[in-house]
N, C-alpha and C. Protein backbone atom coordinates (compact mmCIF):
# COMPACT_ATOMS: atom_id res chain seq x y z
N MET A 1 146.25 80.51 166.28
CA MET A 1 146.03 81.85 165.76
C MET A 1 145.11 81.76 164.53
N PRO A 2 144.03 82.55 164.50
CA PRO A 2 143.11 82.50 163.37
C PRO A 2 143.76 82.96 162.07
N GLN A 3 143.33 82.34 160.98
CA GLN A 3 143.86 82.66 159.66
C GLN A 3 143.15 83.90 159.13
N SER A 4 143.89 84.75 158.43
CA SER A 4 143.30 85.96 157.85
C SER A 4 142.43 85.59 156.65
N ALA A 5 141.62 86.53 156.23
CA ALA A 5 140.77 86.30 155.05
C ALA A 5 141.63 85.99 153.83
N LEU A 6 142.74 86.68 153.69
CA LEU A 6 143.64 86.43 152.56
C LEU A 6 144.22 85.02 152.66
N GLY A 7 144.59 84.61 153.86
CA GLY A 7 145.13 83.26 154.06
C GLY A 7 144.11 82.19 153.73
N ARG A 8 142.83 82.41 154.14
CA ARG A 8 141.76 81.45 153.82
C ARG A 8 141.55 81.39 152.31
N GLY A 9 141.61 82.54 151.65
CA GLY A 9 141.44 82.58 150.19
C GLY A 9 142.55 81.81 149.48
N ILE A 10 143.78 82.01 149.92
CA ILE A 10 144.92 81.31 149.30
C ILE A 10 144.81 79.81 149.56
N SER A 11 144.42 79.44 150.76
CA SER A 11 144.24 78.01 151.07
C SER A 11 143.17 77.39 150.18
N TYR A 12 142.08 78.10 149.98
CA TYR A 12 141.00 77.60 149.12
C TYR A 12 141.51 77.38 147.70
N VAL A 13 142.23 78.36 147.15
CA VAL A 13 142.76 78.23 145.79
C VAL A 13 143.69 77.04 145.69
N LEU A 14 144.57 76.88 146.65
CA LEU A 14 145.51 75.76 146.62
C LEU A 14 144.78 74.42 146.72
N ASP A 15 143.71 74.36 147.51
CA ASP A 15 142.93 73.13 147.62
C ASP A 15 142.21 72.79 146.32
N GLN A 16 141.90 73.79 145.51
CA GLN A 16 141.16 73.59 144.26
C GLN A 16 142.09 73.52 143.04
N TRP A 17 143.38 73.56 143.24
CA TRP A 17 144.33 73.69 142.14
C TRP A 17 144.22 72.55 141.12
N THR A 18 144.11 71.31 141.58
CA THR A 18 144.01 70.17 140.67
C THR A 18 142.76 70.29 139.78
N ALA A 19 141.64 70.66 140.39
CA ALA A 19 140.40 70.82 139.62
C ALA A 19 140.55 71.97 138.62
N LEU A 20 141.19 73.04 139.01
CA LEU A 20 141.40 74.18 138.10
C LEU A 20 142.26 73.77 136.92
N GLU A 21 143.32 73.02 137.17
CA GLU A 21 144.17 72.55 136.07
C GLU A 21 143.39 71.65 135.12
N ARG A 22 142.57 70.78 135.67
CA ARG A 22 141.76 69.89 134.84
C ARG A 22 140.79 70.70 133.98
N PHE A 23 140.14 71.69 134.57
CA PHE A 23 139.21 72.55 133.84
C PHE A 23 139.93 73.29 132.71
N LEU A 24 141.09 73.85 133.00
CA LEU A 24 141.83 74.60 131.99
C LEU A 24 142.40 73.71 130.90
N GLY A 25 142.64 72.44 131.21
CA GLY A 25 143.23 71.52 130.24
C GLY A 25 142.22 70.83 129.34
N ASP A 26 140.94 70.88 129.68
CA ASP A 26 139.92 70.18 128.89
C ASP A 26 138.77 71.15 128.63
N GLY A 27 138.68 71.63 127.40
CA GLY A 27 137.67 72.62 127.04
C GLY A 27 136.24 72.12 127.11
N ARG A 28 136.04 70.82 127.27
CA ARG A 28 134.68 70.28 127.36
C ARG A 28 134.08 70.45 128.75
N LEU A 29 134.92 70.69 129.74
CA LEU A 29 134.44 70.77 131.12
C LEU A 29 133.81 72.13 131.40
N GLU A 30 132.72 72.09 132.15
CA GLU A 30 132.05 73.32 132.58
C GLU A 30 132.72 73.83 133.84
N ILE A 31 132.72 75.14 134.03
CA ILE A 31 133.34 75.70 135.22
C ILE A 31 132.44 75.54 136.44
N ASP A 32 131.15 75.32 136.22
CA ASP A 32 130.25 75.11 137.34
C ASP A 32 129.31 73.95 137.01
N ASN A 33 128.46 73.60 137.94
CA ASN A 33 127.54 72.48 137.72
C ASN A 33 126.08 72.96 137.68
N ASN A 34 125.86 74.16 137.18
CA ASN A 34 124.51 74.73 137.14
C ASN A 34 123.54 73.87 136.33
N LEU A 35 124.00 73.33 135.19
CA LEU A 35 123.10 72.50 134.38
C LEU A 35 122.62 71.29 135.16
N CYS A 36 123.54 70.66 135.86
CA CYS A 36 123.19 69.49 136.67
C CYS A 36 122.26 69.89 137.81
N GLU A 37 122.58 70.97 138.50
CA GLU A 37 121.74 71.41 139.61
C GLU A 37 120.34 71.77 139.15
N ASN A 38 120.23 72.44 138.01
CA ASN A 38 118.91 72.78 137.48
C ASN A 38 118.13 71.54 137.09
N ALA A 39 118.83 70.53 136.58
CA ALA A 39 118.16 69.30 136.16
C ALA A 39 117.62 68.52 137.35
N ILE A 40 118.32 68.54 138.48
CA ILE A 40 117.87 67.76 139.64
C ILE A 40 117.00 68.55 140.61
N ARG A 41 116.83 69.84 140.36
CA ARG A 41 116.05 70.67 141.28
C ARG A 41 114.63 70.12 141.51
N PRO A 42 113.89 69.73 140.46
CA PRO A 42 112.54 69.20 140.72
C PRO A 42 112.56 67.97 141.63
N THR A 43 113.57 67.15 141.49
CA THR A 43 113.69 65.98 142.34
C THR A 43 113.99 66.39 143.77
N ALA A 44 114.91 67.33 143.93
CA ALA A 44 115.29 67.78 145.27
C ALA A 44 114.11 68.45 145.97
N VAL A 45 113.33 69.20 145.24
CA VAL A 45 112.18 69.90 145.84
C VAL A 45 111.14 68.89 146.32
N GLY A 46 110.96 67.82 145.58
CA GLY A 46 109.94 66.83 145.94
C GLY A 46 110.43 65.67 146.78
N LYS A 47 111.69 65.68 147.21
CA LYS A 47 112.23 64.49 147.86
C LYS A 47 111.50 64.10 149.14
N LYS A 48 110.93 65.04 149.86
CA LYS A 48 110.19 64.68 151.08
C LYS A 48 108.99 63.82 150.75
N ASN A 49 108.43 64.01 149.56
CA ASN A 49 107.27 63.21 149.15
C ASN A 49 107.65 61.75 148.91
N TRP A 50 108.92 61.50 148.67
CA TRP A 50 109.35 60.14 148.30
C TRP A 50 110.12 59.45 149.40
N LEU A 51 110.10 60.00 150.60
CA LEU A 51 110.86 59.40 151.70
C LEU A 51 110.37 57.99 152.04
N PHE A 52 109.10 57.76 151.91
CA PHE A 52 108.53 56.49 152.33
C PHE A 52 108.06 55.70 151.13
N VAL A 53 108.97 55.46 150.22
CA VAL A 53 108.65 54.82 148.95
C VAL A 53 108.43 53.31 149.13
N GLY A 54 108.96 52.72 150.18
CA GLY A 54 108.64 51.34 150.48
C GLY A 54 109.77 50.35 150.39
N ALA A 55 110.82 50.62 149.64
CA ALA A 55 111.91 49.65 149.51
C ALA A 55 113.23 50.37 149.35
N ALA A 56 114.27 49.78 149.89
CA ALA A 56 115.60 50.39 149.81
C ALA A 56 116.06 50.54 148.36
N GLU A 57 115.70 49.61 147.51
CA GLU A 57 116.13 49.63 146.11
C GLU A 57 115.40 50.71 145.29
N ALA A 58 114.33 51.24 145.82
CA ALA A 58 113.54 52.23 145.08
C ALA A 58 114.35 53.48 144.78
N GLY A 59 115.20 53.89 145.68
CA GLY A 59 116.05 55.05 145.43
C GLY A 59 116.96 54.84 144.23
N GLN A 60 117.56 53.67 144.14
CA GLN A 60 118.43 53.33 143.01
C GLN A 60 117.62 53.32 141.71
N ARG A 61 116.46 52.72 141.74
CA ARG A 61 115.61 52.67 140.54
C ARG A 61 115.18 54.07 140.13
N GLY A 62 114.82 54.88 141.11
CA GLY A 62 114.42 56.26 140.82
C GLY A 62 115.57 57.04 140.19
N ALA A 63 116.78 56.85 140.72
CA ALA A 63 117.94 57.54 140.16
C ALA A 63 118.18 57.14 138.71
N ILE A 64 118.00 55.88 138.40
CA ILE A 64 118.17 55.40 137.02
C ILE A 64 117.13 56.06 136.11
N LEU A 65 115.87 56.08 136.54
CA LEU A 65 114.83 56.69 135.72
C LEU A 65 115.05 58.19 135.53
N TYR A 66 115.43 58.89 136.60
CA TYR A 66 115.69 60.32 136.47
C TYR A 66 116.86 60.58 135.53
N THR A 67 117.88 59.73 135.59
CA THR A 67 119.02 59.88 134.70
C THR A 67 118.60 59.71 133.25
N ILE A 68 117.77 58.72 132.98
CA ILE A 68 117.30 58.49 131.60
C ILE A 68 116.46 59.67 131.12
N VAL A 69 115.53 60.12 131.95
CA VAL A 69 114.65 61.23 131.56
C VAL A 69 115.47 62.50 131.31
N GLU A 70 116.40 62.81 132.18
CA GLU A 70 117.21 64.02 132.00
C GLU A 70 118.14 63.88 130.79
N SER A 71 118.63 62.69 130.53
CA SER A 71 119.46 62.47 129.35
C SER A 71 118.64 62.72 128.09
N CYS A 72 117.39 62.29 128.09
CA CYS A 72 116.50 62.56 126.96
C CYS A 72 116.28 64.06 126.79
N ARG A 73 115.96 64.72 127.89
CA ARG A 73 115.69 66.17 127.81
C ARG A 73 116.89 66.94 127.29
N ARG A 74 118.08 66.57 127.74
CA ARG A 74 119.29 67.28 127.29
C ARG A 74 119.53 67.08 125.80
N ARG A 75 119.00 66.01 125.24
CA ARG A 75 119.18 65.74 123.80
C ARG A 75 117.96 66.15 122.98
N GLY A 76 116.98 66.79 123.61
CA GLY A 76 115.80 67.24 122.90
C GLY A 76 114.83 66.12 122.54
N ILE A 77 114.88 65.03 123.29
CA ILE A 77 114.02 63.87 123.05
C ILE A 77 112.82 63.95 124.00
N ASP A 78 111.65 63.61 123.49
CA ASP A 78 110.48 63.50 124.34
C ASP A 78 110.65 62.24 125.19
N PRO A 79 110.81 62.38 126.51
CA PRO A 79 111.06 61.20 127.35
C PRO A 79 109.96 60.14 127.25
N LEU A 80 108.71 60.56 127.12
CA LEU A 80 107.62 59.59 127.03
C LEU A 80 107.74 58.77 125.74
N ALA A 81 108.00 59.43 124.62
CA ALA A 81 108.16 58.71 123.34
C ALA A 81 109.33 57.74 123.41
N TYR A 82 110.43 58.20 124.01
CA TYR A 82 111.61 57.35 124.14
C TYR A 82 111.30 56.11 124.99
N LEU A 83 110.74 56.34 126.19
CA LEU A 83 110.47 55.22 127.08
C LEU A 83 109.43 54.26 126.50
N ARG A 84 108.42 54.81 125.84
CA ARG A 84 107.40 53.94 125.22
C ARG A 84 108.04 53.03 124.18
N ASP A 85 108.88 53.60 123.32
CA ASP A 85 109.53 52.81 122.28
C ASP A 85 110.50 51.79 122.86
N VAL A 86 111.35 52.25 123.76
CA VAL A 86 112.39 51.37 124.31
C VAL A 86 111.79 50.25 125.16
N LEU A 87 110.82 50.58 126.01
CA LEU A 87 110.24 49.55 126.87
C LEU A 87 109.39 48.55 126.09
N THR A 88 108.92 48.95 124.92
CA THR A 88 108.20 48.03 124.05
C THR A 88 109.16 47.07 123.37
N ARG A 89 110.29 47.58 122.92
CA ARG A 89 111.26 46.76 122.18
C ARG A 89 112.21 45.96 123.07
N LEU A 90 112.49 46.44 124.24
CA LEU A 90 113.52 45.86 125.12
C LEU A 90 113.33 44.37 125.43
N PRO A 91 112.13 43.90 125.73
CA PRO A 91 112.00 42.47 126.08
C PRO A 91 112.41 41.52 124.96
N LYS A 92 112.36 41.97 123.73
CA LYS A 92 112.70 41.10 122.59
C LYS A 92 114.14 41.27 122.12
N MET A 93 114.87 42.17 122.75
CA MET A 93 116.22 42.49 122.29
C MET A 93 117.25 41.55 122.89
N LEU A 94 118.34 41.39 122.16
CA LEU A 94 119.50 40.68 122.67
C LEU A 94 120.34 41.67 123.47
N ILE A 95 121.13 41.17 124.39
CA ILE A 95 121.97 42.04 125.21
C ILE A 95 122.93 42.85 124.35
N THR A 96 123.34 42.32 123.21
CA THR A 96 124.26 43.03 122.32
C THR A 96 123.59 44.21 121.63
N GLU A 97 122.25 44.25 121.63
CA GLU A 97 121.51 45.34 120.98
C GLU A 97 121.22 46.51 121.93
N VAL A 98 121.44 46.32 123.21
CA VAL A 98 121.12 47.35 124.20
C VAL A 98 121.83 48.68 123.92
N PRO A 99 123.12 48.70 123.50
CA PRO A 99 123.74 50.00 123.22
C PRO A 99 123.01 50.83 122.14
N SER A 100 122.20 50.17 121.32
CA SER A 100 121.48 50.90 120.27
C SER A 100 120.28 51.66 120.80
N ILE A 101 119.93 51.47 122.08
CA ILE A 101 118.76 52.17 122.62
C ILE A 101 119.12 53.18 123.71
N THR A 102 120.38 53.53 123.81
CA THR A 102 120.71 54.64 124.71
C THR A 102 120.06 55.89 124.14
N PRO A 103 119.77 56.89 124.95
CA PRO A 103 119.14 58.09 124.41
C PRO A 103 119.92 58.70 123.24
N GLN A 104 121.23 58.71 123.32
CA GLN A 104 122.03 59.28 122.23
C GLN A 104 121.87 58.47 120.94
N ALA A 105 121.99 57.14 121.04
CA ALA A 105 121.85 56.28 119.85
C ALA A 105 120.41 56.33 119.33
N TRP A 106 119.45 56.37 120.22
CA TRP A 106 118.04 56.42 119.82
C TRP A 106 117.75 57.70 119.04
N ALA A 107 118.25 58.84 119.54
CA ALA A 107 118.03 60.12 118.86
C ALA A 107 118.66 60.09 117.47
N LYS A 108 119.84 59.53 117.35
CA LYS A 108 120.51 59.44 116.05
C LYS A 108 119.68 58.59 115.09
N ALA A 109 119.16 57.47 115.57
CA ALA A 109 118.33 56.61 114.73
C ALA A 109 117.05 57.31 114.30
N GLN A 110 116.47 58.11 115.19
CA GLN A 110 115.26 58.85 114.86
C GLN A 110 115.52 59.89 113.79
N ARG A 111 116.70 60.55 113.88
CA ARG A 111 117.06 61.55 112.86
C ARG A 111 117.27 60.89 111.50
N GLN A 112 117.76 59.66 111.50
CA GLN A 112 118.04 58.96 110.24
C GLN A 112 116.82 58.26 109.69
N ALA A 113 115.81 58.05 110.50
CA ALA A 113 114.61 57.31 110.08
C ALA A 113 113.95 57.89 108.84
N PRO A 114 113.76 59.21 108.70
CA PRO A 114 113.14 59.72 107.47
C PRO A 114 113.98 59.39 106.23
N ASP A 115 115.31 59.38 106.38
CA ASP A 115 116.17 59.04 105.25
C ASP A 115 115.94 57.59 104.83
N LEU A 116 115.74 56.70 105.80
CA LEU A 116 115.52 55.28 105.49
C LEU A 116 114.17 55.10 104.81
N LYS A 117 113.15 55.84 105.25
CA LYS A 117 111.82 55.72 104.65
C LYS A 117 111.82 56.24 103.21
N ALA A 118 112.56 57.31 102.97
CA ALA A 118 112.62 57.89 101.63
C ALA A 118 113.35 56.97 100.66
N ALA A 119 114.33 56.21 101.17
CA ALA A 119 115.12 55.33 100.31
C ALA A 119 114.35 54.09 99.91
N SER A 120 113.33 53.68 100.71
CA SER A 120 112.62 52.44 100.39
C SER A 120 111.46 52.63 99.46
């Protein structure tokens, strides 16, 4: 016997109950994923252009680069300036220094840089 519209609605709510509780319990969570969808839209629109990139690992590498670029944009960082600085410094860095070049740490260091110059 087919389920009524009300029955389908109640089933949907019950299926989403855990996610709803999580959303209501943590004020940092967004109710939707519009920010994420808007960030990946340019990639999704152009994905047919990248179907024949040449190697299976290219998709993973592309995802890493897109993640870095979008992380920069969300923090108000110019992705080109960030990548130029980080890729220049990275070969000489120790593995223990890598956390200092995440977009968040990099932006914080950039904000503090004028204070360091004024103190010297």
